[in-house]
Amino acid sequence: MEYVWLALAVAVMAFFTWFGFRIEPHWVAKDLSRFIGNAQLMTDKGEPVGRFRETRVLIEPNGEMFIDQRRFMRRRDSSVFRLMAESDDPPRSRAVFVMRGHTKDGTPALLAIRVPARSRIAPHLRAMLARPPGATDRPGTTGRPGATDRPGATD
């Protein structure tokens, strides 16, 4: 009987381990300026480099996205990317957005970020794709620090 309980305990631990690796982290700030999702770095030709990793994203008003990826037993990798496109064929109940930027060593790269399709951030990212380059989230700003679009304001 002791072996049955031991086997049951091992099976429960294996299930929780499997379940823990299947869960994808996701969180969105109320103002839609920050979110967490899974992202995979790709070469500039679209070939995957590594696996999907937990990624924090900060969206700036000018459309730049500061990406902070969690690495195992190493420092975080931070880079700046711009939203480029949405995937035509994402996995079931997911939305995948492709960003273009540079890695911290200056190499051109793409980043595929995966979020739940029903997430509050998905429509916001689609709206960012529809905006012309240089447009901002906030009225009265051009996206440049210290610059405004208000009449009578100076740069």
Protein backbone atom coordinates (compact mmCIF):
# COMPACT_ATOMS: atom_id res chain seq x y z
CA MET A 1 0.00 0.00 0.00
CA GLU A 2 2.94 2.33 0.65
CA TYR A 3 4.03 1.95 -2.97
CA VAL A 4 0.60 3.02 -4.21
CA TRP A 5 0.76 6.24 -2.19
CA LEU A 6 4.31 6.88 -3.37
CA ALA A 7 3.31 6.31 -7.01
CA LEU A 8 0.28 8.60 -6.55
CA ALA A 9 2.48 11.35 -5.04
CA VAL A 10 4.96 11.09 -7.95
CA ALA A 11 2.10 11.20 -10.48
CA VAL A 12 0.62 14.32 -8.84
CA MET A 13 4.03 16.05 -8.85
CA ALA A 14 4.54 15.13 -12.52
CA PHE A 15 1.10 16.52 -13.38
CA PHE A 16 1.77 19.83 -11.60
CA THR A 17 5.17 20.10 -13.31
CA TRP A 18 3.58 19.53 -16.72
CA PHE A 19 0.75 21.97 -15.92
CA GLY A 20 3.22 24.62 -14.71
CA PHE A 21 5.13 24.53 -17.98
CA ARG A 22 1.92 24.76 -20.06
CA ILE A 23 0.62 27.90 -18.37
CA GLU A 24 1.58 31.10 -20.17
CA PRO A 25 2.09 34.20 -18.08
CA HIS A 26 -0.12 37.13 -19.02
CA TRP A 27 -0.97 40.45 -17.39
CA VAL A 28 -2.08 43.85 -18.74
CA ALA A 29 -1.92 47.22 -16.95
CA LYS A 30 -5.17 49.16 -16.68
CA ASP A 31 -3.82 51.97 -18.89
CA LEU A 32 -2.59 49.41 -21.52
CA SER A 33 0.95 50.80 -21.36
CA ARG A 34 2.51 47.60 -19.96
CA PHE A 35 1.87 43.91 -20.37
CA ILE A 36 3.46 40.50 -19.91
CA GLY A 37 3.36 37.76 -22.52
CA ASN A 38 5.53 35.10 -24.11
CA ALA A 39 7.95 36.13 -26.85
CA GLN A 40 10.47 34.40 -29.08
CA LEU A 41 13.46 36.11 -30.64
CA MET A 42 14.00 35.52 -34.37
CA THR A 43 16.69 36.45 -36.86
CA ASP A 44 15.96 39.20 -39.37
CA LYS A 45 15.06 36.41 -41.82
CA GLY A 46 12.37 35.02 -39.47
CA GLU A 47 14.22 31.95 -38.18
CA PRO A 48 13.54 31.27 -34.46
CA VAL A 49 16.39 31.74 -32.00
CA GLY A 50 15.71 29.87 -28.77
CA ARG A 51 12.31 29.29 -27.24
CA PHE A 52 9.38 31.42 -26.12
CA ARG A 53 10.23 33.26 -22.88
CA GLU A 54 8.30 35.35 -20.39
CA THR A 55 8.55 38.93 -21.63
CA ARG A 56 7.65 42.28 -20.09
CA VAL A 57 6.67 45.02 -22.54
CA LEU A 58 6.46 48.77 -21.91
CA ILE A 59 4.70 50.69 -24.69
CA GLU A 60 5.92 54.25 -25.14
CA PRO A 61 3.60 56.97 -26.56
CA ASN A 62 5.69 57.16 -29.76
CA GLY A 63 5.09 53.46 -30.49
CA GLU A 64 8.44 52.10 -29.32
CA MET A 65 8.26 49.05 -27.09
CA PHE A 66 10.83 48.36 -24.41
CA ILE A 67 11.21 44.59 -24.18
CA ASP A 68 12.58 42.92 -21.06
CA GLN A 69 13.00 39.14 -21.33
CA ARG A 70 13.57 36.90 -18.35
CA ARG A 71 16.56 34.58 -18.73
CA PHE A 72 17.41 31.62 -16.54
CA MET A 73 20.23 32.34 -14.07
CA ARG A 74 21.31 35.41 -16.06
CA ARG A 75 20.56 39.08 -16.22
CA ARG A 76 17.49 40.21 -18.09
CA ASP A 77 17.88 41.14 -21.76
CA SER A 78 16.37 44.54 -22.59
CA SER A 79 15.87 45.92 -26.10
CA VAL A 80 13.73 48.38 -28.06
CA PHE A 81 11.37 47.09 -30.77
CA ARG A 82 8.62 48.51 -33.01
CA LEU A 83 5.39 46.73 -33.89
CA MET A 84 5.49 45.50 -37.49
CA ALA A 85 2.66 43.02 -38.20
CA GLU A 86 0.19 40.49 -36.83
CA SER A 87 0.45 36.81 -37.70
CA ASP A 88 -2.10 35.49 -40.18
CA ASP A 89 -2.02 31.98 -38.73
CA PRO A 90 -1.62 32.12 -34.90
CA PRO A 91 -2.09 29.13 -32.58
CA ARG A 92 -5.63 28.46 -31.35
CA SER A 93 -6.96 31.19 -29.01
CA ARG A 94 -3.73 33.21 -29.30
CA ALA A 95 -2.72 36.39 -31.12
CA VAL A 96 0.87 36.69 -32.34
CA PHE A 97 2.41 40.08 -33.12
CA VAL A 98 5.76 40.54 -34.87
CA MET A 99 8.10 43.37 -33.89
CA ARG A 100 11.30 44.62 -35.51
CA GLY A 101 14.27 45.95 -33.60
CA HIS A 102 17.81 45.20 -32.49
CA THR A 103 19.21 42.93 -29.82
CA LYS A 104 21.34 44.48 -27.10
CA ASP A 105 24.49 43.74 -29.14
CA GLY A 106 23.07 45.69 -32.13
CA THR A 107 22.09 42.76 -34.35
CA PRO A 108 18.84 43.34 -36.31
CA ALA A 109 16.16 40.98 -35.04
CA LEU A 110 12.47 40.16 -35.05
CA LEU A 111 10.41 39.30 -32.00
CA ALA A 112 7.19 37.29 -32.04
CA ILE A 113 5.08 38.04 -28.98
CA ARG A 114 2.16 35.75 -28.15
CA VAL A 115 -0.83 36.92 -26.10
CA PRO A 116 -4.32 35.45 -25.55
CA ALA A 117 -6.67 36.43 -28.39
CA ARG A 118 -9.23 37.75 -25.88
CA SER A 119 -6.68 39.86 -24.01
CA ARG A 120 -7.34 43.58 -23.58
CA ILE A 121 -3.96 44.30 -25.18
CA ALA A 122 -4.71 42.56 -28.52
CA PRO A 123 -7.11 45.24 -29.87
CA HIS A 124 -4.73 47.95 -28.63
CA LEU A 125 -1.83 46.40 -30.55
CA ARG A 126 -4.02 46.07 -33.67
CA ALA A 127 -4.90 49.78 -33.37
CA MET A 128 -1.20 50.60 -33.08
CA LEU A 129 -0.59 48.71 -36.33
CA ALA A 130 -3.27 50.79 -38.09
CA ARG A 131 -1.71 54.12 -36.99
CA PRO A 132 0.87 55.81 -39.19
CA PRO A 133 4.50 55.76 -37.94
CA GLY A 134 5.21 58.53 -35.46
CA ALA A 135 1.60 58.81 -34.27
CA THR A 136 1.16 58.74 -30.51
CA ASP A 137 -1.28 57.36 -27.96
CA ARG A 138 -1.72 60.66 -26.19
CA PRO A 139 -3.33 63.70 -27.81
CA GLY A 140 -1.16 66.81 -27.82
CA THR A 141 2.17 65.00 -28.20
CA THR A 142 4.28 64.05 -31.19
CA GLY A 143 6.16 61.30 -29.45
CA ARG A 144 9.32 63.38 -29.07
CA PRO A 145 10.29 64.35 -25.53
CA GLY A 146 9.43 68.01 -24.92
CA ALA A 147 7.52 68.43 -28.21
CA THR A 148 3.79 69.12 -28.47
CA ASP A 149 1.15 69.50 -31.19
CA ARG A 150 -0.75 72.26 -29.41
CA PRO A 151 -1.08 75.59 -31.20
CA GLY A 152 1.33 78.18 -29.88
CA ALA A 153 3.64 75.61 -28.32
CA THR A 154 7.29 75.61 -29.32
CA ASP A 155 9.68 72.74 -29.79
